[in-house]
Amino acid sequence: MLGEHLNSDESRGLLLAIDKMREILHGEKITLPEIVVVVFAAAGSTIYVYRRVFHLHQTLTDHKSDIKHLLPFGDEHLVSVDESNTLRVWDIQSGSVYLSLEFNTQNFHITSLLHPATYVNKLLVTSRQGTMQLWNIKANKLLHEFFTNDTKSNSITTIAQSTVVDVVAIGYNDGQIRLHNLRYDETLVTFTQDFNGPITSIAFRLDNIPHMATGSSTGHICIWNLDTCHLISQMRQAHKECAIASLHFIPGEPLLISNGSDNALREWIFDMPDGQSCRLYRERCGHSKSPRCVRFHDNDIILSAGNDGRLRTFHTILDNLSRCFGRTTRYKWELELNENDDDNNENENTEQPLPIVDLRCEVIKENDWDGIVAVHENRRRISAWNYIRATRSQHRFEHERFATKVYHNVDVVATCCDISPCGNFCVIGYSTGHIDMYNMQSGIYRGSF
């Protein structure tokens, strides 16, 4: 069947046309334009320009204080704002400053930047005072100032271009979202988000469906219908215990990408039966706080743990094979016994994560029982983990001597641990000088050294 298609007149004609085009390009010495991906990153008062993502091309160092905003402006310019409220426009090719503007923080404290669609050489700047300014950066001229007569205006936290020319979405510190027409300086509609806190990000669907997504400082995402002007769905705790840093819709696809300060990138797909709500499609996560220890589990798997109390595995080749084992908190049997923790703090939050400071693993018996042990900060009880099930064990690795009156007022903490090469025993060292050995399968105490 395939041979018939390849030997058809249409296939031979297509191959002939490709050969002729190749000869023309070779004879005329025509070269196609090179597509170069440029990434801008700011650290402190320095801007780093990377070509093809990982090649450092140049550094821009004219800022005197830390940079808080970056905005690529067309193909040749970059706009940056630092903590001193100084705005600079850079020429990317030469690395020089094209324009520099200094704003008074008492009158106009910059909070966000936007290059409105079809507005050539125009830059929209928002402020903490609730006003906006439209600048022509080529002529260095202020064209118009918005909301100067609005006495009840709150601080503007974010701004985004809508799918309609001249219309932008403005997010405020009190949870209000305003759709505003720049050409006529007129507010079209106003939404109010019920969550406490400011609007942190706004995005519009780019697949011809009139939906708007807004992110909050509490980690929730709201989806609004712009035709009916009401809320249609919510994603509670899309990013737990942190603010939504950015939202972005994929052009032509029902996909929403979100990220937050929890070091997670999540992709949401709008394929639910109601046609309005979405579900989690894919995610890539890392540690939300700094890691404390990293170990190789085998040639391709890395074990990592840190101050967020989570144990994670990272695959060095295929990122979709990375996993999270969960967050370490106090055991249920600890809460049932109503025991004070090592620091004798009766008001300790039971949901507080326990930072992991050290861990060890052994793969020889991981198919039968636990093969990972971890030491927690300022605690004498270690945790055991099963790699195959990606769960935490309920074994209680604690000698009965520490429950006697002798150690009642002594802060005993585990300082190190290890697993025997056979995978049957784990050894724990304590701040008191004791070294205890336990069975990995049963969790029973087997001796001291």
Protein backbone atom coordinates (compact mmCIF):
# COMPACT_ATOMS: atom_id res chain seq x y z
CA MET A 1 0.00 0.00 0.00
CA LEU A 2 2.81 2.38 0.91
CA GLY A 3 4.74 1.47 -2.22
CA GLU A 4 1.75 2.38 -4.40
CA HIS A 5 1.58 5.86 -2.84
CA LEU A 6 5.32 6.43 -3.26
CA ASN A 7 5.22 5.39 -6.92
CA SER A 8 2.21 7.58 -7.73
CA ASP A 9 2.46 10.60 -10.03
CA GLU A 10 1.74 13.00 -7.18
CA SER A 11 4.65 11.66 -5.06
CA ARG A 12 7.11 11.77 -7.96
CA GLY A 13 6.02 15.34 -8.78
CA LEU A 14 6.51 16.43 -5.17
CA LEU A 15 10.00 14.92 -5.00
CA LEU A 16 10.92 16.59 -8.31
CA ALA A 17 9.78 19.99 -7.01
CA ILE A 18 11.86 19.54 -3.84
CA ASP A 19 14.96 18.68 -5.88
CA LYS A 20 14.51 21.77 -8.07
CA MET A 21 14.08 24.02 -5.04
CA ARG A 22 17.24 22.57 -3.47
CA GLU A 23 19.19 23.30 -6.65
CA ILE A 24 17.88 26.90 -6.76
CA LEU A 25 18.83 27.57 -3.14
CA HIS A 26 22.28 26.06 -3.67
CA GLY A 27 22.92 27.96 -6.91
CA GLU A 28 21.75 31.35 -5.62
CA LYS A 29 23.48 30.80 -2.23
CA ILE A 30 20.34 31.83 -0.40
CA THR A 31 20.53 31.54 3.40
CA LEU A 32 17.48 31.49 5.58
CA PRO A 33 17.33 33.97 8.49
CA GLU A 34 18.66 32.62 11.77
CA ILE A 35 16.13 32.40 14.59
CA VAL A 36 17.86 33.27 17.85
CA VAL A 37 16.14 32.82 21.21
CA VAL A 38 17.16 35.57 23.64
CA VAL A 39 16.47 35.29 27.37
CA PHE A 40 16.78 38.21 29.81
CA ALA A 41 17.39 37.59 33.50
CA ALA A 42 18.01 40.09 36.30
CA ALA A 43 19.97 39.37 39.49
CA GLY A 44 20.64 42.25 41.82
CA SER A 45 21.47 45.30 39.73
CA THR A 46 22.74 43.33 36.71
CA ILE A 47 20.85 42.16 33.63
CA TYR A 48 22.12 39.02 31.91
CA VAL A 49 21.36 38.42 28.23
CA TYR A 50 21.46 34.79 27.08
CA ARG A 51 21.40 33.62 23.47
CA ARG A 52 19.94 30.19 22.74
CA VAL A 53 18.86 30.00 26.40
CA PHE A 54 22.20 29.01 27.95
CA HIS A 55 24.96 31.04 26.21
CA LEU A 56 25.73 34.26 28.08
CA HIS A 57 25.87 36.97 25.43
CA GLN A 58 26.28 40.19 27.43
CA THR A 59 25.63 41.87 30.78
CA LEU A 60 23.98 45.26 31.41
CA THR A 61 25.23 46.95 34.56
CA ASP A 62 24.12 50.59 34.61
CA HIS A 63 21.51 50.16 37.35
CA LYS A 64 22.54 51.27 40.84
CA SER A 65 19.97 49.24 42.80
CA ASP A 66 18.17 45.91 42.49
CA ILE A 67 16.05 45.41 39.38
CA LYS A 68 12.38 44.51 39.94
CA HIS A 69 10.82 44.69 36.44
CA LEU A 70 11.91 43.60 32.94
CA LEU A 71 9.93 44.02 29.70
CA PRO A 72 11.20 43.18 26.18
CA PHE A 73 10.08 46.07 23.95
CA GLY A 74 9.95 44.94 20.34
CA ASP A 75 12.98 43.19 18.84
CA GLU A 76 15.60 45.80 19.64
CA HIS A 77 14.86 47.25 23.09
CA LEU A 78 14.50 46.17 26.71
CA VAL A 79 12.78 48.13 29.49
CA SER A 80 13.92 47.73 33.10
CA VAL A 81 12.93 49.31 36.42
CA ASP A 82 14.97 49.16 39.63
CA GLU A 83 14.18 49.69 43.32
CA SER A 84 15.12 53.37 43.13
CA ASN A 85 12.18 53.88 40.72
CA THR A 86 14.45 54.52 37.74
CA LEU A 87 13.26 53.32 34.32
CA ARG A 88 15.80 52.54 31.61
CA VAL A 89 15.31 51.59 27.97
CA TRP A 90 18.21 49.53 26.58
CA ASP A 91 19.38 49.01 23.04
CA ILE A 92 19.87 45.24 22.89
CA GLN A 93 22.36 45.23 20.01
CA SER A 94 24.79 47.76 21.46
CA GLY A 95 24.03 47.22 25.16
CA SER A 96 23.73 50.97 25.75
CA VAL A 97 21.02 52.96 27.53
CA TYR A 98 18.63 54.51 25.01
CA LEU A 99 16.48 56.36 27.54
CA SER A 100 16.53 56.90 31.30
CA LEU A 101 13.63 58.26 33.39
CA GLU A 102 13.54 58.89 37.11
CA PHE A 103 10.19 58.94 38.93
CA ASN A 104 9.40 60.33 42.36
CA THR A 105 8.30 57.43 44.58
CA GLN A 106 5.92 59.72 46.52
CA ASN A 107 3.98 60.68 43.41
CA PHE A 108 4.45 57.71 41.07
CA HIS A 109 5.91 54.43 42.37
CA ILE A 110 6.17 51.99 39.41
CA THR A 111 4.50 48.60 39.90
CA SER A 112 4.18 47.10 36.38
CA LEU A 113 4.88 47.69 32.68
CA LEU A 114 3.01 46.94 29.45
CA HIS A 115 3.55 47.55 25.75
CA PRO A 116 -0.05 47.89 24.41
CA ALA A 117 -0.79 46.01 21.21
CA THR A 118 -0.53 48.13 18.01
CA TYR A 119 0.74 51.12 20.05
CA VAL A 120 4.04 51.80 18.30
CA ASN A 121 6.80 53.15 20.61
CA LYS A 122 4.26 53.41 23.46
CA LEU A 123 4.87 52.18 27.01
CA LEU A 124 2.18 51.95 29.69
CA VAL A 125 3.46 52.34 33.26
CA THR A 126 1.33 51.73 36.37
CA SER A 127 1.92 52.98 39.89
CA ARG A 128 1.28 52.18 43.52
CA GLN A 129 -0.75 55.40 43.75
CA GLY A 130 -3.37 53.91 41.40
CA THR A 131 -2.53 56.01 38.31
CA MET A 132 -1.15 55.04 34.90
CA GLN A 133 1.02 56.91 32.42
CA LEU A 134 1.35 56.36 28.68
CA TRP A 135 4.81 57.30 27.35
CA ASN A 136 6.31 57.60 23.90
CA ILE A 137 9.79 56.26 24.56
CA LYS A 138 11.11 57.33 21.15
CA ALA A 139 10.19 60.99 21.71
CA ASN A 140 10.64 60.82 25.51
CA LYS A 141 7.20 62.34 25.99
CA LEU A 142 4.34 61.73 28.42
CA LEU A 143 1.19 61.34 26.30
CA HIS A 144 -1.54 60.79 28.86
CA GLU A 145 -2.13 60.00 32.54
CA PHE A 146 -5.06 57.81 33.61
CA PHE A 147 -7.17 57.85 36.79
CA THR A 148 -5.87 61.18 38.04
CA ASN A 149 -9.34 62.15 39.26
CA ASP A 150 -10.13 58.77 40.84
CA THR A 151 -9.90 59.43 44.56
CA LYS A 152 -10.85 55.86 45.58
CA SER A 153 -8.31 54.12 43.38
CA ASN A 154 -6.11 51.51 45.08
CA SER A 155 -2.61 50.43 44.24
CA ILE A 156 -2.24 48.77 40.83
CA THR A 157 -0.47 45.43 41.12
CA THR A 158 -0.56 44.02 37.57
CA ILE A 159 -1.70 44.82 34.04
CA ALA A 160 -2.30 42.66 30.95
CA GLN A 161 -3.24 43.15 27.32
CA SER A 162 -6.65 41.75 26.39
CA THR A 163 -7.55 40.09 23.10
CA VAL A 164 -9.19 43.36 21.98
CA VAL A 165 -7.11 46.30 20.77
CA ASP A 166 -7.12 49.35 23.09
CA VAL A 167 -8.47 47.31 26.03
CA VAL A 168 -6.27 46.29 28.97
CA ALA A 169 -7.01 44.48 32.24
CA ILE A 170 -5.83 46.15 35.44
CA GLY A 171 -5.47 44.31 38.76
CA TYR A 172 -5.61 46.14 42.07
CA ASN A 173 -4.39 45.58 45.59
CA ASP A 174 -7.93 45.11 46.96
CA GLY A 175 -8.81 42.24 44.59
CA GLN A 176 -10.53 44.36 41.95
CA ILE A 177 -10.06 43.83 38.19
CA ARG A 178 -10.89 46.61 35.75
CA LEU A 179 -11.18 46.35 31.95
CA HIS A 180 -10.22 49.78 30.63
CA ASN A 181 -10.28 51.26 27.12
CA LEU A 182 -7.10 53.27 26.57
CA ARG A 183 -8.30 55.14 23.49
CA TYR A 184 -11.37 56.64 25.19
CA ASP A 185 -10.06 56.46 28.77
CA GLU A 186 -13.20 54.61 29.83
CA THR A 187 -13.73 51.67 32.17
CA LEU A 188 -15.83 48.97 30.48
CA VAL A 189 -16.49 46.53 33.32
CA THR A 190 -15.24 45.82 36.84
CA PHE A 191 -14.82 42.46 38.59
CA THR A 192 -14.11 41.81 42.26
CA GLN A 193 -12.24 38.77 43.53
CA ASP A 194 -13.52 37.59 46.92
CA PHE A 195 -10.18 36.25 48.13
CA ASN A 196 -8.29 38.45 50.53
CA GLY A 197 -5.25 39.99 48.94
CA PRO A 198 -4.17 41.62 45.68
CA ILE A 199 -4.46 40.46 42.09
CA THR A 200 -1.04 39.07 41.16
CA SER A 201 -1.53 38.06 37.49
CA ILE A 202 -4.05 38.22 34.63
CA ALA A 203 -4.31 36.28 31.36
CA PHE A 204 -6.82 35.95 28.49
CA ARG A 205 -7.70 32.82 26.53
CA LEU A 206 -6.29 32.85 23.00
CA ASP A 207 -8.54 30.24 21.35
CA ASN A 208 -11.55 32.50 20.54
CA ILE A 209 -13.28 31.85 23.86
CA PRO A 210 -14.02 34.99 25.97
CA HIS A 211 -12.48 33.83 29.24
CA MET A 212 -10.13 35.68 31.59
CA ALA A 213 -7.99 34.09 34.32
CA THR A 214 -6.83 35.96 37.41
CA GLY A 215 -4.41 34.86 40.12
CA SER A 216 -4.40 35.84 43.77
CA SER A 217 -1.84 36.11 46.55
CA THR A 218 -3.46 33.13 48.31
CA GLY A 219 -2.70 30.68 45.48
CA HIS A 220 -6.22 30.56 43.97
CA ILE A 221 -7.08 31.03 40.27
CA CYS A 222 -10.42 32.44 39.06
CA ILE A 223 -11.91 32.04 35.57
CA TRP A 224 -14.26 34.81 34.38
CA ASN A 225 -16.69 34.82 31.45
CA LEU A 226 -16.34 38.16 29.65
CA ASP A 227 -19.64 37.80 27.78
CA THR A 228 -21.79 37.38 30.88
CA CYS A 229 -19.36 39.22 33.19
CA HIS A 230 -19.46 36.70 36.02
CA LEU A 231 -17.27 34.07 37.69
CA ILE A 232 -17.59 30.60 36.14
CA SER A 233 -14.97 28.48 37.95
CA GLN A 234 -12.19 28.49 40.52
CA MET A 235 -9.04 26.48 41.15
CA ARG A 236 -8.57 26.55 44.91
CA GLN A 237 -5.00 26.11 46.13
CA ALA A 238 -3.64 25.86 42.60
CA HIS A 239 -0.33 26.73 44.24
CA LYS A 240 -0.47 25.96 47.94
CA GLU A 241 0.48 28.60 50.49
CA CYS A 242 1.99 31.00 47.95
CA ALA A 243 0.99 33.67 45.46
CA ILE A 244 0.36 33.07 41.77
CA ALA A 245 3.35 34.68 40.08
CA SER A 246 2.26 34.41 36.45
CA LEU A 247 -0.51 33.09 34.19
CA HIS A 248 -0.24 32.40 30.46
CA PHE A 249 -2.62 30.86 27.92
CA ILE A 250 -1.24 28.86 24.98
CA PRO A 251 -2.33 30.43 21.65
CA GLY A 252 -4.99 28.36 19.93
CA GLU A 253 -5.14 25.75 22.71
CA PRO A 254 -7.37 25.34 25.81
CA LEU A 255 -4.28 25.29 28.04
CA LEU A 256 -3.37 27.56 30.93
CA ILE A 257 0.12 27.63 32.46
CA SER A 258 0.65 28.92 35.99
CA ASN A 259 3.63 29.26 38.27
CA GLY A 260 4.18 30.49 41.80
CA SER A 261 6.78 31.00 44.47
CA ASP A 262 6.50 27.30 45.39
CA ASN A 263 8.86 26.53 42.48
CA ALA A 264 6.13 24.71 40.55
CA LEU A 265 5.00 25.02 36.93
CA ARG A 266 1.51 23.65 36.31
CA GLU A 267 -0.50 23.19 33.12
CA TRP A 268 -4.32 23.24 33.24
CA ILE A 269 -6.59 22.00 30.46
CA PHE A 270 -10.17 23.14 29.80
CA ASP A 271 -11.78 19.84 28.78
CA MET A 272 -14.43 19.34 31.46
CA PRO A 273 -18.03 18.47 30.47
CA ASP A 274 -19.35 21.91 31.43
CA GLY A 275 -16.93 23.55 28.98
CA GLN A 276 -15.90 26.16 31.56
CA SER A 277 -13.83 24.56 34.31
CA CYS A 278 -10.41 22.96 33.98
CA ARG A 279 -8.27 20.26 35.56
CA LEU A 280 -4.58 19.76 36.24
CA TYR A 281 -2.97 18.34 33.12
CA ARG A 282 0.76 18.29 33.85
CA GLU A 283 3.17 19.80 36.33
CA ARG A 284 6.87 20.23 36.99
CA CYS A 285 7.83 20.85 40.60
CA GLY A 286 10.96 21.46 42.61
CA HIS A 287 11.70 22.33 46.21
CA SER A 288 9.82 25.36 47.46
CA LYS A 289 12.68 26.07 49.89
CA SER A 290 16.40 25.49 49.73
CA PRO A 291 17.55 21.81 49.55
CA ARG A 292 19.77 20.50 52.34
CA CYS A 293 20.99 17.16 51.00
CA VAL A 294 21.23 15.41 47.63
CA ARG A 295 22.06 11.75 47.03
CA PHE A 296 22.22 9.46 44.00
CA HIS A 297 19.74 6.62 44.31
CA ASP A 298 21.09 4.90 41.20
CA ASN A 299 22.74 6.00 37.98
CA ASP A 300 19.67 7.93 36.78
CA ILE A 301 17.71 8.88 39.93
CA ILE A 302 18.63 11.64 42.38
CA LEU A 303 17.14 11.88 45.87
CA SER A 304 16.76 15.40 47.22
CA ALA A 305 15.36 16.87 50.45
CA GLY A 306 15.45 20.24 52.13
CA ASN A 307 13.83 22.88 54.28
CA ASP A 308 10.37 22.38 52.79
CA GLY A 309 10.19 18.93 54.40
CA ARG A 310 9.59 17.18 51.08
CA LEU A 311 11.48 14.21 49.72
CA ARG A 312 11.76 14.25 45.92
CA THR A 313 13.32 12.20 43.17
CA PHE A 314 14.67 13.74 39.97
CA HIS A 315 15.39 11.73 36.84
CA THR A 316 18.53 12.92 35.11
CA ILE A 317 17.23 12.04 31.63
CA LEU A 318 13.41 11.98 31.65
CA ASP A 319 11.89 14.72 33.76
CA ASN A 320 8.42 13.18 33.62
CA LEU A 321 9.71 10.32 35.80
CA SER A 322 10.46 12.69 38.70
CA ARG A 323 8.28 12.18 41.78
CA CYS A 324 7.43 13.75 45.11
CA PHE A 325 7.13 11.42 48.12
CA GLY A 326 5.19 13.97 50.15
CA ARG A 327 5.79 16.38 52.99
CA THR A 328 7.05 15.22 56.38
CA THR A 329 4.96 16.29 59.37
CA ARG A 330 4.49 14.78 62.80
CA TYR A 331 3.33 11.15 62.85
CA LYS A 332 -0.25 10.33 63.76
CA TRP A 333 0.89 8.23 66.71
CA GLU A 334 2.81 11.25 68.01
CA LEU A 335 -0.41 13.27 68.05
CA GLU A 336 -2.33 10.43 69.71
CA LEU A 337 0.24 10.15 72.48
CA ASN A 338 -0.02 13.93 72.98
CA GLU A 339 3.70 14.12 73.53
CA ASN A 340 5.71 17.31 73.51
CA ASP A 341 8.26 17.47 70.74
CA ASP A 342 11.99 17.68 71.27
CA ASP A 343 11.86 21.41 71.93
CA ASN A 344 8.92 20.96 74.40
CA ASN A 345 6.87 23.54 72.54
CA GLU A 346 3.24 22.91 73.40
CA ASN A 347 2.02 25.41 70.79
CA GLU A 348 3.82 23.78 67.86
CA ASN A 349 1.87 23.63 64.64
CA THR A 350 1.25 19.96 63.82
CA GLU A 351 1.15 20.71 60.07
CA GLN A 352 4.51 22.46 60.11
CA PRO A 353 6.92 20.66 57.75
CA LEU A 354 9.97 19.03 59.28
CA PRO A 355 13.16 20.02 57.39
CA ILE A 356 15.34 17.11 56.32
CA VAL A 357 19.05 17.62 56.99
CA ASP A 358 20.45 14.22 55.96
CA LEU A 359 19.31 11.04 54.22
CA ARG A 360 20.66 7.65 53.19
CA CYS A 361 19.36 4.99 50.79
CA GLU A 362 20.03 1.39 49.82
CA VAL A 363 18.48 -0.24 46.74
CA ILE A 364 19.16 -3.92 47.41
CA LYS A 365 15.96 -4.51 49.45
CA GLU A 366 13.76 -1.69 48.20
CA ASN A 367 11.33 -4.14 46.54
CA ASP A 368 10.69 -5.82 49.90
CA TRP A 369 10.62 -2.98 52.44
CA ASP A 370 11.78 0.56 53.15
CA GLY A 371 15.12 1.60 51.70
CA ILE A 372 15.44 5.29 52.61
CA VAL A 373 15.98 6.93 56.02
CA ALA A 374 16.06 10.68 56.72
CA VAL A 375 17.19 12.82 59.64
CA HIS A 376 15.08 15.86 60.55
CA GLU A 377 16.24 19.13 62.01
CA ASN A 378 16.17 19.26 65.85
CA ARG A 379 14.37 15.89 66.18
CA ARG A 380 15.43 12.52 67.54
CA ARG A 381 12.89 10.53 65.50
CA ILE A 382 13.98 9.80 61.94
CA SER A 383 11.64 8.90 59.08
CA ALA A 384 11.78 5.88 56.78
CA TRP A 385 10.54 5.88 53.19
CA ASN A 386 9.60 3.26 50.62
CA TYR A 387 10.92 4.10 47.16
CA ILE A 388 8.62 1.74 45.23
CA ARG A 389 5.40 3.02 46.80
CA ALA A 390 6.73 6.57 47.27
CA THR A 391 5.33 6.64 50.82
CA ARG A 392 6.57 7.20 54.36
CA SER A 393 6.77 4.31 56.81
CA GLN A 394 5.07 4.31 60.22
CA HIS A 395 8.01 2.66 62.01
CA ARG A 396 8.98 4.32 65.30
CA PHE A 397 12.79 4.41 65.43
CA GLU A 398 13.23 5.57 69.04
CA HIS A 399 14.93 3.90 72.00
CA GLU A 400 12.95 3.68 75.24
CA ARG A 401 15.83 5.25 77.20
CA PHE A 402 14.90 8.69 75.81
CA ALA A 403 11.45 8.44 77.47
CA THR A 404 12.94 8.10 80.99
CA LYS A 405 13.40 10.94 83.47
CA VAL A 406 17.15 10.99 82.83
CA TYR A 407 16.62 12.59 79.42
CA HIS A 408 13.47 14.51 80.31
CA ASN A 409 15.20 17.90 80.26
CA VAL A 410 17.86 16.98 77.70
CA ASP A 411 17.47 17.99 74.07
CA VAL A 412 18.24 14.75 72.25
CA VAL A 413 18.43 15.00 68.45
CA ALA A 414 19.46 12.58 65.75
CA THR A 415 22.61 13.80 64.02
CA CYS A 416 23.29 11.15 61.37
CA CYS A 417 22.05 7.85 59.97
CA ASP A 418 22.98 5.11 57.54
CA ILE A 419 21.72 1.80 56.11
CA SER A 420 23.73 -1.41 56.04
CA PRO A 421 24.84 -2.69 52.62
CA CYS A 422 22.49 -5.66 53.00
CA GLY A 423 19.53 -3.31 53.46
CA ASN A 424 18.33 -5.04 56.65
CA PHE A 425 19.44 -2.52 59.29
CA CYS A 426 19.66 1.20 59.80
CA VAL A 427 22.04 2.88 62.26
CA ILE A 428 21.22 6.20 63.95
CA GLY A 429 23.64 8.49 65.78
CA TYR A 430 22.43 10.91 68.48
CA SER A 431 23.72 14.06 70.09
CA THR A 432 24.11 12.15 73.37
CA GLY A 433 26.75 9.86 71.84
CA HIS A 434 24.46 6.84 71.48
CA ILE A 435 24.44 4.78 68.28
CA ASP A 436 21.38 2.55 67.89
CA MET A 437 20.57 -0.08 65.27
CA TYR A 438 17.06 -0.98 64.07
CA ASN A 439 15.60 -3.53 61.68
CA MET A 440 14.36 -1.89 58.48
CA GLN A 441 11.56 -4.39 57.89
CA SER A 442 9.99 -4.39 61.36
CA GLY A 443 11.39 -1.22 62.92
CA ILE A 444 12.47 -3.20 66.03
CA TYR A 445 15.50 -2.15 68.06
CA ARG A 446 18.43 -4.56 67.53
CA GLY A 447 21.32 -3.17 69.54
CA SER A 448 23.59 -0.25 70.42
CA PHE A 449 27.23 0.58 69.90
